[in-house]
Amino acid sequence: VQLQASGGGLVQAGGSLRLSCVASGLTFVTTTMGWFRQAPGKVREFVGGISNSGDRTAYGDSVKGRFTISVDNAKNTVYLQMNSLKPEDTAVYYCAARRGNYIYTIGNLYNYWGQGTLVTVSS
């Protein structure tokens, strides 16, 4: 299983970015996908997740209403649309995968991880 995250970059506060995570070696119909982030000096934080069926999503409190997760099964890709970005959203963002249908918010419960993509939001 390989997860390849991309789409990070530098954006001004209030702007938007869309992160992508291409998965190989697994199918989304049997896998829950999650996004996490880690800022320098801070613990890893759950950003959001989407169930294997794609009909359920969950988000961390700090991003609710601003971030949206979606899946393109044909492309085996999960997206994280980030709007109204704030400087405190600056972090390395990781996608993760876990077989099953429950969206866990604890990173240690995910089996597979991508390499991370850096998002920097300037004020």
C-alpha atoms as a PDB file:
ATOM      1  CA  VAL A   1       0.000   0.000   0.000  1.00  0.00           C
ATOM      2  CA  GLN A   2       1.246   3.436  -0.928  1.00  0.00           C
ATOM      3  CA  LEU A   3      -0.258   6.826  -0.249  1.00  0.00           C
ATOM      4  CA  GLN A   4       1.035   9.855  -2.122  1.00  0.00           C
ATOM      5  CA  ALA A   5      -0.063  13.244  -0.812  1.00  0.00           C
ATOM      6  CA  SER A   6       0.347  16.443  -2.793  1.00  0.00           C
ATOM      7  CA  GLY A   7      -1.064  19.918  -3.218  1.00  0.00           C
ATOM      8  CA  GLY A   8       0.546  21.768  -0.356  1.00  0.00           C
ATOM      9  CA  GLY A   9       2.071  25.189  -0.733  1.00  0.00           C
ATOM     10  CA  LEU A  10       2.080  28.767   0.436  1.00  0.00           C
ATOM     11  CA  VAL A  11      -1.220  30.634   0.576  1.00  0.00           C
ATOM     12  CA  GLN A  12      -2.428  33.843   2.176  1.00  0.00           C
ATOM     13  CA  ALA A  13      -4.882  33.808   5.023  1.00  0.00           C
ATOM     14  CA  GLY A  14      -8.416  33.506   3.706  1.00  0.00           C
ATOM     15  CA  GLY A  15      -7.275  31.555   0.674  1.00  0.00           C
ATOM     16  CA  SER A  16      -7.910  27.976  -0.388  1.00  0.00           C
ATOM     17  CA  LEU A  17      -5.938  24.866  -1.228  1.00  0.00           C
ATOM     18  CA  ARG A  18      -6.887  21.376  -2.267  1.00  0.00           C
ATOM     19  CA  LEU A  19      -4.767  18.480  -1.151  1.00  0.00           C
ATOM     20  CA  SER A  20      -4.814  15.154  -2.952  1.00  0.00           C
ATOM     21  CA  CYS A  21      -3.876  11.698  -1.781  1.00  0.00           C
ATOM     22  CA  VAL A  22      -3.498   8.986  -4.402  1.00  0.00           C
ATOM     23  CA  ALA A  23      -3.710   5.476  -3.021  1.00  0.00           C
ATOM     24  CA  SER A  24      -2.346   2.301  -4.532  1.00  0.00           C
ATOM     25  CA  GLY A  25      -2.654  -1.205  -3.218  1.00  0.00           C
ATOM     26  CA  LEU A  26      -6.047  -0.651  -1.627  1.00  0.00           C
ATOM     27  CA  THR A  27      -9.597   0.151  -2.582  1.00  0.00           C
ATOM     28  CA  PHE A  28     -11.680   2.804  -0.877  1.00  0.00           C
ATOM     29  CA  VAL A  29     -14.700   0.527  -0.634  1.00  0.00           C
ATOM     30  CA  THR A  30     -12.936  -1.376   2.145  1.00  0.00           C
ATOM     31  CA  THR A  31     -10.857   1.463   3.590  1.00  0.00           C
ATOM     32  CA  THR A  32     -11.481   4.501   5.734  1.00  0.00           C
ATOM     33  CA  MET A  33      -9.302   7.471   4.841  1.00  0.00           C
ATOM     34  CA  GLY A  34      -8.147  10.152   7.206  1.00  0.00           C
ATOM     35  CA  TRP A  35      -6.251  13.420   7.089  1.00  0.00           C
ATOM     36  CA  PHE A  36      -4.012  14.513   9.926  1.00  0.00           C
ATOM     37  CA  ARG A  37      -1.672  17.426  10.406  1.00  0.00           C
ATOM     38  CA  GLN A  38       1.282  18.274  12.560  1.00  0.00           C
ATOM     39  CA  ALA A  39       2.602  21.740  13.173  1.00  0.00           C
ATOM     40  CA  PRO A  40       6.134  22.348  14.496  1.00  0.00           C
ATOM     41  CA  GLY A  41       6.290  21.652  18.211  1.00  0.00           C
ATOM     42  CA  LYS A  42       2.721  20.393  18.348  1.00  0.00           C
ATOM     43  CA  VAL A  43       1.123  16.980  18.525  1.00  0.00           C
ATOM     44  CA  ARG A  44      -0.452  15.367  15.516  1.00  0.00           C
ATOM     45  CA  GLU A  45      -4.051  16.486  15.041  1.00  0.00           C
ATOM     46  CA  PHE A  46      -7.004  14.794  13.390  1.00  0.00           C
ATOM     47  CA  VAL A  47      -8.270  16.948  10.529  1.00  0.00           C
ATOM     48  CA  GLY A  48     -10.972  14.759   9.068  1.00  0.00           C
ATOM     49  CA  GLY A  49     -11.924  11.394   7.663  1.00  0.00           C
ATOM     50  CA  ILE A  50     -14.261   9.701   5.246  1.00  0.00           C
ATOM     51  CA  SER A  51     -15.774   6.250   5.602  1.00  0.00           C
ATOM     52  CA  ASN A  52     -15.238   3.421   3.165  1.00  0.00           C
ATOM     53  CA  SER A  53     -18.705   3.925   1.731  1.00  0.00           C
ATOM     54  CA  GLY A  54     -18.050   7.619   1.267  1.00  0.00           C
ATOM     55  CA  ASP A  55     -21.326   8.548   2.918  1.00  0.00           C
ATOM     56  CA  ARG A  56     -19.922   9.579   6.272  1.00  0.00           C
ATOM     57  CA  THR A  57     -17.363  12.216   7.109  1.00  0.00           C
ATOM     58  CA  ALA A  58     -15.969  13.580  10.323  1.00  0.00           C
ATOM     59  CA  TYR A  59     -13.911  16.682  11.020  1.00  0.00           C
ATOM     60  CA  GLY A  60     -11.837  18.100  13.791  1.00  0.00           C
ATOM     61  CA  ASP A  61     -13.384  21.018  15.628  1.00  0.00           C
ATOM     62  CA  SER A  62     -10.784  23.465  14.383  1.00  0.00           C
ATOM     63  CA  VAL A  63     -11.623  22.866  10.712  1.00  0.00           C
ATOM     64  CA  LYS A  64     -15.361  22.206  10.755  1.00  0.00           C
ATOM     65  CA  GLY A  65     -17.180  24.313   8.233  1.00  0.00           C
ATOM     66  CA  ARG A  66     -13.983  25.207   6.385  1.00  0.00           C
ATOM     67  CA  PHE A  67     -12.548  21.878   5.200  1.00  0.00           C
ATOM     68  CA  THR A  68     -14.248  19.200   3.122  1.00  0.00           C
ATOM     69  CA  ILE A  69     -13.144  15.651   2.347  1.00  0.00           C
ATOM     70  CA  SER A  70     -14.205  13.841  -0.789  1.00  0.00           C
ATOM     71  CA  VAL A  71     -13.264  10.723  -2.711  1.00  0.00           C
ATOM     72  CA  ASP A  72     -12.932   9.895  -6.387  1.00  0.00           C
ATOM     73  CA  ASN A  73     -13.090   6.115  -6.519  1.00  0.00           C
ATOM     74  CA  ALA A  74     -12.237   5.992 -10.208  1.00  0.00           C
ATOM     75  CA  LYS A  75      -8.963   7.779  -9.518  1.00  0.00           C
ATOM     76  CA  ASN A  76      -8.364   6.124  -6.142  1.00  0.00           C
ATOM     77  CA  THR A  77      -7.852   9.602  -4.786  1.00  0.00           C
ATOM     78  CA  VAL A  78      -9.072  11.334  -1.653  1.00  0.00           C
ATOM     79  CA  TYR A  79      -9.176  15.129  -1.501  1.00  0.00           C
ATOM     80  CA  LEU A  80      -9.052  17.675   1.272  1.00  0.00           C
ATOM     81  CA  GLN A  81     -10.536  20.990   0.190  1.00  0.00           C
ATOM     82  CA  MET A  82      -9.385  23.712   2.557  1.00  0.00           C
ATOM     83  CA  ASN A  83     -11.128  27.077   2.506  1.00  0.00           C
ATOM     84  CA  SER A  84     -10.830  30.188   4.640  1.00  0.00           C
ATOM     85  CA  LEU A  85      -7.346  29.174   5.645  1.00  0.00           C
ATOM     86  CA  LYS A  86      -5.809  30.651   8.768  1.00  0.00           C
ATOM     87  CA  PRO A  87      -2.177  30.958   9.839  1.00  0.00           C
ATOM     88  CA  GLU A  88      -2.863  28.332  12.507  1.00  0.00           C
ATOM     89  CA  ASP A  89      -3.607  25.843   9.722  1.00  0.00           C
ATOM     90  CA  THR A  90       0.091  25.854   8.869  1.00  0.00           C
ATOM     91  CA  ALA A  91       1.349  22.291   9.227  1.00  0.00           C
ATOM     92  CA  VAL A  92       2.473  19.195   7.405  1.00  0.00           C
ATOM     93  CA  TYR A  93      -0.637  17.365   6.268  1.00  0.00           C
ATOM     94  CA  TYR A  94      -0.735  13.597   6.061  1.00  0.00           C
ATOM     95  CA  CYS A  95      -3.238  11.209   4.580  1.00  0.00           C
ATOM     96  CA  ALA A  96      -3.763   7.873   6.257  1.00  0.00           C
ATOM     97  CA  ALA A  97      -5.712   4.706   5.593  1.00  0.00           C
ATOM     98  CA  ARG A  98      -7.329   2.086   7.730  1.00  0.00           C
ATOM     99  CA  ARG A  99      -9.250  -0.978   6.649  1.00  0.00           C
ATOM    100  CA  GLY A 100     -12.800  -0.883   7.903  1.00  0.00           C
ATOM    101  CA  ASN A 101     -15.668   1.554   8.015  1.00  0.00           C
ATOM    102  CA  TYR A 102     -15.142   3.515  11.219  1.00  0.00           C
ATOM    103  CA  ILE A 103     -13.575   6.955  11.181  1.00  0.00           C
ATOM    104  CA  TYR A 104     -11.087   6.978  14.023  1.00  0.00           C
ATOM    105  CA  THR A 105      -9.615  10.253  15.185  1.00  0.00           C
ATOM    106  CA  ILE A 106      -6.522   8.610  16.666  1.00  0.00           C
ATOM    107  CA  GLY A 107      -3.640   8.409  14.265  1.00  0.00           C
ATOM    108  CA  ASN A 108      -2.136   5.281  15.779  1.00  0.00           C
ATOM    109  CA  LEU A 109      -5.186   3.324  14.643  1.00  0.00           C
ATOM    110  CA  TYR A 110      -4.386   3.940  10.980  1.00  0.00           C
ATOM    111  CA  ASN A 111      -2.271   1.340   9.243  1.00  0.00           C
ATOM    112  CA  TYR A 112      -0.861   3.271   6.304  1.00  0.00           C
ATOM    113  CA  TRP A 113       0.501   6.789   5.937  1.00  0.00           C
ATOM    114  CA  GLY A 114       1.545   9.083   3.148  1.00  0.00           C
ATOM    115  CA  GLN A 115       4.691  11.163   3.224  1.00  0.00           C
ATOM    116  CA  GLY A 116       3.051  14.483   4.078  1.00  0.00           C
ATOM    117  CA  THR A 117       2.696  17.758   2.249  1.00  0.00           C
ATOM    118  CA  LEU A 118       3.485  21.149   3.758  1.00  0.00           C
ATOM    119  CA  VAL A 119       0.836  23.848   3.939  1.00  0.00           C
ATOM    120  CA  THR A 120       1.939  27.330   4.949  1.00  0.00           C
ATOM    121  CA  VAL A 121      -0.612  30.059   5.523  1.00  0.00           C
ATOM    122  CA  SER A 122       0.730  33.586   5.760  1.00  0.00           C
ATOM    123  CA  SER A 123      -1.032  36.346   7.652  1.00  0.00           C
END
